[in-house]
Amino acid sequence: MVRVLAVDDDPTILRLLQVNLEMEGHDVLTADNGSAALDTIRAERPEVVLLDVMMPEMDGFAVCEQVRADPDIARTPIVFVSARAQQADLDRGYAIGGDAYITKPFDPVDLLETIERLAAGRR
């Protein structure tokens, strides 16, 4: 079981992520904006964060930058899950410290494999 934080401002996608991951036996936390994501990461210490890029208030890139700048949570694996699929977006995601970048629509099997690989690397 992996403790995963799914962050997306689209409630349908958030629910889809939650249901699919819970069906695979994972413990899923959710947040619908960047500020809530940061609070949850600091309080709950998820093993992997699934982070949408385009969100109101604070986008996923800004969340990632703040996580990487905080020594207490800097090693938290971050997987961008975004409809932004331009090479420049992927390059930026990796440049600021993302561990993986999966574009929507995503293959659930690929997502699960990525989560499990990153969680295993932390143990």
N, C-alpha and C. Protein backbone atom coordinates (compact mmCIF):
# COMPACT_ATOMS: atom_id res chain seq x y z
N MET A 1 0.85 -1.19 0.00
CA MET A 1 0.00 0.00 0.00
C MET A 1 0.89 1.25 0.00
N VAL A 2 0.53 2.17 -0.85
CA VAL A 2 1.25 3.44 -0.95
C VAL A 2 0.28 4.56 -0.54
N ARG A 3 0.77 5.49 0.24
CA ARG A 3 -0.04 6.66 0.61
C ARG A 3 0.18 7.72 -0.46
N VAL A 4 -0.89 8.03 -1.19
CA VAL A 4 -0.82 8.92 -2.35
C VAL A 4 -1.69 10.15 -2.11
N LEU A 5 -1.16 11.31 -2.46
CA LEU A 5 -1.96 12.54 -2.47
C LEU A 5 -2.26 12.86 -3.92
N ALA A 6 -3.55 12.89 -4.28
CA ALA A 6 -3.99 13.27 -5.62
C ALA A 6 -4.48 14.71 -5.56
N VAL A 7 -3.95 15.56 -6.46
CA VAL A 7 -4.30 16.97 -6.46
C VAL A 7 -4.79 17.36 -7.85
N ASP A 8 -6.04 17.79 -7.92
CA ASP A 8 -6.62 18.23 -9.19
C ASP A 8 -7.83 19.09 -8.88
N ASP A 9 -8.03 20.17 -9.65
CA ASP A 9 -9.18 21.03 -9.40
C ASP A 9 -10.45 20.52 -10.08
N ASP A 10 -10.33 19.48 -10.91
CA ASP A 10 -11.49 18.87 -11.57
C ASP A 10 -11.99 17.72 -10.68
N PRO A 11 -13.18 17.88 -10.08
CA PRO A 11 -13.66 16.85 -9.16
C PRO A 11 -13.83 15.48 -9.81
N THR A 12 -14.15 15.44 -11.10
CA THR A 12 -14.33 14.15 -11.78
C THR A 12 -12.99 13.42 -11.88
N ILE A 13 -11.95 14.12 -12.25
CA ILE A 13 -10.62 13.50 -12.36
C ILE A 13 -10.12 13.10 -10.98
N LEU A 14 -10.34 13.94 -10.00
CA LEU A 14 -9.91 13.64 -8.64
C LEU A 14 -10.58 12.36 -8.14
N ARG A 15 -11.88 12.24 -8.39
CA ARG A 15 -12.61 11.04 -7.97
C ARG A 15 -12.13 9.80 -8.73
N LEU A 16 -11.87 9.96 -10.03
CA LEU A 16 -11.36 8.86 -10.84
C LEU A 16 -10.02 8.36 -10.29
N LEU A 17 -9.13 9.29 -9.99
CA LEU A 17 -7.84 8.90 -9.42
C LEU A 17 -8.04 8.18 -8.09
N GLN A 18 -8.88 8.75 -7.24
CA GLN A 18 -9.10 8.17 -5.92
C GLN A 18 -9.65 6.76 -6.02
N VAL A 19 -10.69 6.56 -6.82
CA VAL A 19 -11.32 5.24 -6.93
C VAL A 19 -10.34 4.22 -7.50
N ASN A 20 -9.64 4.58 -8.58
CA ASN A 20 -8.71 3.64 -9.19
C ASN A 20 -7.59 3.25 -8.24
N LEU A 21 -7.05 4.21 -7.53
CA LEU A 21 -5.94 3.91 -6.61
C LEU A 21 -6.42 3.12 -5.40
N GLU A 22 -7.59 3.46 -4.88
CA GLU A 22 -8.13 2.69 -3.75
C GLU A 22 -8.44 1.26 -4.15
N MET A 23 -8.91 1.06 -5.39
CA MET A 23 -9.18 -0.31 -5.86
C MET A 23 -7.89 -1.14 -5.91
N GLU A 24 -6.76 -0.49 -6.06
CA GLU A 24 -5.47 -1.17 -6.07
C GLU A 24 -4.87 -1.29 -4.67
N GLY A 25 -5.63 -0.84 -3.66
CA GLY A 25 -5.19 -1.01 -2.28
C GLY A 25 -4.39 0.14 -1.70
N HIS A 26 -4.35 1.27 -2.41
CA HIS A 26 -3.58 2.41 -1.92
C HIS A 26 -4.42 3.31 -1.02
N ASP A 27 -3.76 4.00 -0.12
CA ASP A 27 -4.38 4.98 0.76
C ASP A 27 -4.32 6.32 0.03
N VAL A 28 -5.48 6.92 -0.25
CA VAL A 28 -5.52 8.11 -1.09
C VAL A 28 -6.04 9.31 -0.32
N LEU A 29 -5.23 10.37 -0.35
CA LEU A 29 -5.62 11.67 0.17
C LEU A 29 -5.92 12.53 -1.06
N THR A 30 -6.76 13.56 -0.91
CA THR A 30 -7.06 14.42 -2.04
C THR A 30 -6.98 15.89 -1.64
N ALA A 31 -6.69 16.70 -2.65
CA ALA A 31 -6.72 18.15 -2.49
C ALA A 31 -7.15 18.73 -3.83
N ASP A 32 -7.89 19.85 -3.80
CA ASP A 32 -8.40 20.41 -5.05
C ASP A 32 -7.74 21.72 -5.45
N ASN A 33 -6.66 22.09 -4.74
CA ASN A 33 -5.90 23.28 -5.13
C ASN A 33 -4.49 23.20 -4.56
N GLY A 34 -3.63 24.07 -5.04
CA GLY A 34 -2.23 24.01 -4.65
C GLY A 34 -1.97 24.30 -3.19
N SER A 35 -2.68 25.26 -2.62
CA SER A 35 -2.49 25.59 -1.20
C SER A 35 -2.86 24.41 -0.31
N ALA A 36 -4.00 23.79 -0.60
CA ALA A 36 -4.42 22.61 0.16
C ALA A 36 -3.42 21.48 -0.02
N ALA A 37 -2.87 21.35 -1.23
CA ALA A 37 -1.87 20.31 -1.48
C ALA A 37 -0.66 20.49 -0.58
N LEU A 38 -0.14 21.72 -0.52
CA LEU A 38 1.03 21.98 0.34
C LEU A 38 0.73 21.67 1.80
N ASP A 39 -0.42 22.10 2.27
CA ASP A 39 -0.81 21.83 3.66
C ASP A 39 -0.86 20.33 3.91
N THR A 40 -1.44 19.58 2.97
CA THR A 40 -1.58 18.14 3.14
C THR A 40 -0.22 17.44 3.08
N ILE A 41 0.64 17.87 2.18
CA ILE A 41 1.98 17.27 2.09
C ILE A 41 2.71 17.48 3.42
N ARG A 42 2.64 18.66 3.96
CA ARG A 42 3.35 18.95 5.22
C ARG A 42 2.75 18.17 6.40
N ALA A 43 1.43 18.05 6.43
CA ALA A 43 0.77 17.40 7.56
C ALA A 43 0.75 15.88 7.47
N GLU A 44 0.55 15.35 6.28
CA GLU A 44 0.30 13.92 6.12
C GLU A 44 1.47 13.11 5.56
N ARG A 45 2.45 13.80 4.97
CA ARG A 45 3.65 13.14 4.43
C ARG A 45 3.33 11.97 3.49
N PRO A 46 2.61 12.23 2.40
CA PRO A 46 2.31 11.14 1.46
C PRO A 46 3.60 10.61 0.84
N GLU A 47 3.55 9.36 0.40
CA GLU A 47 4.73 8.73 -0.22
C GLU A 47 4.92 9.21 -1.66
N VAL A 48 3.81 9.57 -2.32
CA VAL A 48 3.85 10.07 -3.70
C VAL A 48 2.74 11.11 -3.85
N VAL A 49 3.03 12.17 -4.62
CA VAL A 49 2.04 13.20 -4.92
C VAL A 49 1.76 13.20 -6.41
N LEU A 50 0.47 13.12 -6.77
CA LEU A 50 0.02 13.26 -8.15
C LEU A 50 -0.49 14.69 -8.28
N LEU A 51 0.13 15.47 -9.15
CA LEU A 51 -0.09 16.91 -9.13
C LEU A 51 -0.50 17.43 -10.50
N ASP A 52 -1.71 17.98 -10.57
CA ASP A 52 -2.16 18.65 -11.80
C ASP A 52 -1.36 19.94 -11.95
N VAL A 53 -1.19 20.40 -13.17
CA VAL A 53 -0.45 21.64 -13.39
C VAL A 53 -1.40 22.84 -13.35
N MET A 54 -2.48 22.79 -14.11
CA MET A 54 -3.36 23.94 -14.24
C MET A 54 -4.43 23.93 -13.14
N MET A 55 -4.20 24.80 -12.15
CA MET A 55 -5.15 24.94 -11.04
C MET A 55 -5.23 26.40 -10.65
N PRO A 56 -6.36 26.81 -10.09
CA PRO A 56 -6.47 28.20 -9.63
C PRO A 56 -5.59 28.42 -8.39
N GLU A 57 -5.35 29.66 -8.04
CA GLU A 57 -4.57 30.08 -6.88
C GLU A 57 -3.08 29.80 -7.05
N MET A 58 -2.72 28.52 -7.07
CA MET A 58 -1.32 28.13 -7.18
C MET A 58 -1.24 26.93 -8.12
N ASP A 59 -0.52 27.07 -9.23
CA ASP A 59 -0.46 25.94 -10.16
C ASP A 59 0.50 24.87 -9.65
N GLY A 60 0.48 23.74 -10.32
CA GLY A 60 1.29 22.60 -9.90
C GLY A 60 2.78 22.88 -9.93
N PHE A 61 3.22 23.67 -10.90
CA PHE A 61 4.64 24.01 -10.95
C PHE A 61 5.06 24.76 -9.69
N ALA A 62 4.23 25.72 -9.25
CA ALA A 62 4.53 26.49 -8.04
C ALA A 62 4.53 25.59 -6.80
N VAL A 63 3.60 24.65 -6.75
CA VAL A 63 3.57 23.70 -5.63
C VAL A 63 4.87 22.90 -5.59
N CYS A 64 5.27 22.38 -6.74
CA CYS A 64 6.50 21.59 -6.82
C CYS A 64 7.70 22.41 -6.35
N GLU A 65 7.78 23.64 -6.80
CA GLU A 65 8.90 24.50 -6.41
C GLU A 65 8.93 24.71 -4.89
N GLN A 66 7.76 24.89 -4.29
CA GLN A 66 7.71 25.10 -2.84
C GLN A 66 8.06 23.82 -2.08
N VAL A 67 7.62 22.67 -2.60
CA VAL A 67 7.97 21.39 -1.96
C VAL A 67 9.49 21.21 -2.01
N ARG A 68 10.09 21.43 -3.17
CA ARG A 68 11.53 21.23 -3.32
C ARG A 68 12.35 22.20 -2.48
N ALA A 69 11.78 23.37 -2.16
CA ALA A 69 12.48 24.38 -1.37
C ALA A 69 12.37 24.14 0.14
N ASP A 70 11.51 23.22 0.56
CA ASP A 70 11.28 22.95 1.98
C ASP A 70 12.02 21.68 2.37
N PRO A 71 13.09 21.78 3.16
CA PRO A 71 13.90 20.60 3.48
C PRO A 71 13.12 19.45 4.14
N ASP A 72 12.03 19.78 4.84
CA ASP A 72 11.26 18.74 5.51
C ASP A 72 10.49 17.84 4.55
N ILE A 73 10.15 18.37 3.37
CA ILE A 73 9.34 17.60 2.42
C ILE A 73 9.96 17.51 1.04
N ALA A 74 11.17 18.03 0.89
CA ALA A 74 11.80 18.16 -0.43
C ALA A 74 11.96 16.84 -1.18
N ARG A 75 12.07 15.73 -0.45
CA ARG A 75 12.30 14.44 -1.12
C ARG A 75 11.00 13.74 -1.52
N THR A 76 9.87 14.36 -1.30
CA THR A 76 8.58 13.78 -1.66
C THR A 76 8.50 13.59 -3.18
N PRO A 77 8.28 12.37 -3.66
CA PRO A 77 8.16 12.17 -5.11
C PRO A 77 6.91 12.87 -5.66
N ILE A 78 7.10 13.57 -6.78
CA ILE A 78 6.02 14.30 -7.42
C ILE A 78 5.85 13.81 -8.85
N VAL A 79 4.61 13.43 -9.17
CA VAL A 79 4.24 13.03 -10.53
C VAL A 79 3.26 14.08 -11.05
N PHE A 80 3.68 14.81 -12.08
CA PHE A 80 2.74 15.72 -12.72
C PHE A 80 1.78 14.89 -13.56
N VAL A 81 0.48 15.15 -13.40
CA VAL A 81 -0.56 14.50 -14.21
C VAL A 81 -1.35 15.65 -14.82
N SER A 82 -1.08 15.91 -16.11
CA SER A 82 -1.60 17.14 -16.69
C SER A 82 -1.99 16.99 -18.14
N ALA A 83 -2.94 17.82 -18.55
CA ALA A 83 -3.32 17.90 -19.97
C ALA A 83 -2.30 18.74 -20.74
N ARG A 84 -1.45 19.45 -20.05
CA ARG A 84 -0.40 20.25 -20.71
C ARG A 84 0.68 19.29 -21.19
N ALA A 85 0.66 19.04 -22.49
CA ALA A 85 1.51 17.99 -23.05
C ALA A 85 2.60 18.52 -23.99
N GLN A 86 2.80 19.82 -24.03
CA GLN A 86 3.86 20.38 -24.87
C GLN A 86 5.22 20.00 -24.27
N GLN A 87 6.20 19.81 -25.13
CA GLN A 87 7.54 19.45 -24.63
C GLN A 87 8.06 20.48 -23.63
N ALA A 88 7.74 21.76 -23.85
CA ALA A 88 8.19 22.80 -22.93
C ALA A 88 7.61 22.58 -21.52
N ASP A 89 6.36 22.09 -21.44
CA ASP A 89 5.75 21.81 -20.14
C ASP A 89 6.45 20.65 -19.45
N LEU A 90 6.70 19.58 -20.20
CA LEU A 90 7.41 18.44 -19.63
C LEU A 90 8.80 18.85 -19.17
N ASP A 91 9.51 19.60 -20.02
CA ASP A 91 10.85 20.05 -19.66
C ASP A 91 10.83 20.88 -18.38
N ARG A 92 9.85 21.78 -18.28
CA ARG A 92 9.76 22.61 -17.07
C ARG A 92 9.46 21.75 -15.84
N GLY A 93 8.54 20.80 -16.00
CA GLY A 93 8.19 19.93 -14.88
C GLY A 93 9.40 19.17 -14.34
N TYR A 94 10.21 18.63 -15.23
CA TYR A 94 11.41 17.92 -14.79
C TYR A 94 12.46 18.88 -14.25
N ALA A 95 12.60 20.06 -14.87
CA ALA A 95 13.62 21.02 -14.46
C ALA A 95 13.40 21.53 -13.03
N ILE A 96 12.14 21.64 -12.61
CA ILE A 96 11.87 22.14 -11.26
C ILE A 96 11.79 21.03 -10.22
N GLY A 97 12.00 19.79 -10.65
CA GLY A 97 12.10 18.71 -9.67
C GLY A 97 11.04 17.65 -9.73
N GLY A 98 10.20 17.65 -10.77
CA GLY A 98 9.22 16.57 -10.90
C GLY A 98 9.93 15.25 -11.17
N ASP A 99 9.40 14.19 -10.60
CA ASP A 99 9.99 12.86 -10.78
C ASP A 99 9.43 12.14 -11.99
N ALA A 100 8.22 12.51 -12.41
CA ALA A 100 7.60 11.93 -13.59
C ALA A 100 6.56 12.92 -14.10
N TYR A 101 6.21 12.78 -15.38
CA TYR A 101 5.21 13.66 -16.00
C TYR A 101 4.35 12.78 -16.88
N ILE A 102 3.08 12.65 -16.50
CA ILE A 102 2.14 11.82 -17.24
C ILE A 102 1.06 12.73 -17.81
N THR A 103 0.81 12.60 -19.11
CA THR A 103 -0.17 13.47 -19.74
C THR A 103 -1.57 12.84 -19.76
N LYS A 104 -2.57 13.70 -19.61
CA LYS A 104 -3.97 13.28 -19.70
C LYS A 104 -4.37 13.25 -21.17
N PRO A 105 -5.20 12.32 -21.59
CA PRO A 105 -5.68 11.19 -20.80
C PRO A 105 -4.53 10.21 -20.55
N PHE A 106 -4.54 9.62 -19.37
CA PHE A 106 -3.44 8.75 -18.99
C PHE A 106 -3.88 7.30 -18.95
N ASP A 107 -2.90 6.42 -19.07
CA ASP A 107 -3.13 4.98 -18.94
C ASP A 107 -3.03 4.64 -17.46
N PRO A 108 -4.10 4.13 -16.84
CA PRO A 108 -4.07 3.83 -15.41
C PRO A 108 -2.95 2.87 -15.02
N VAL A 109 -2.62 1.93 -15.91
CA VAL A 109 -1.54 0.99 -15.61
C VAL A 109 -0.20 1.72 -15.51
N ASP A 110 0.04 2.63 -16.44
CA ASP A 110 1.28 3.42 -16.40
C ASP A 110 1.35 4.25 -15.12
N LEU A 111 0.23 4.84 -14.75
CA LEU A 111 0.19 5.65 -13.55
C LEU A 111 0.52 4.80 -12.32
N LEU A 112 -0.11 3.64 -12.21
CA LEU A 112 0.14 2.76 -11.07
C LEU A 112 1.60 2.31 -11.01
N GLU A 113 2.16 1.96 -12.16
CA GLU A 113 3.56 1.53 -12.19
C GLU A 113 4.48 2.66 -11.75
N THR A 114 4.18 3.87 -12.17
CA THR A 114 5.00 5.02 -11.79
C THR A 114 4.92 5.27 -10.29
N ILE A 115 3.71 5.21 -9.73
CA ILE A 115 3.52 5.41 -8.29
C ILE A 115 4.31 4.36 -7.51
N GLU A 116 4.16 3.12 -7.90
CA GLU A 116 4.81 2.04 -7.16
C GLU A 116 6.33 2.11 -7.29
N ARG A 117 6.83 2.49 -8.46
CA ARG A 117 8.29 2.62 -8.66
C ARG A 117 8.84 3.74 -7.77
N LEU A 118 8.16 4.88 -7.75
CA LEU A 118 8.65 6.00 -6.95
C LEU A 118 8.54 5.72 -5.45
N ALA A 119 7.48 5.07 -5.02
CA ALA A 119 7.32 4.73 -3.60
C ALA A 119 8.39 3.73 -3.18
N ALA A 120 8.69 2.78 -4.04
CA ALA A 120 9.71 1.77 -3.72
C ALA A 120 11.09 2.43 -3.58
N GLY A 121 11.33 3.47 -4.37
CA GLY A 121 12.61 4.17 -4.31
C GLY A 121 12.80 4.94 -3.02
N ARG A 122 11.72 5.22 -2.33
CA ARG A 122 11.80 5.96 -1.05
C ARG A 122 12.03 5.05 0.13
N ARG A 123 11.76 3.77 -0.04
CA ARG A 123 11.83 2.85 1.11
C ARG A 123 13.23 2.34 1.35
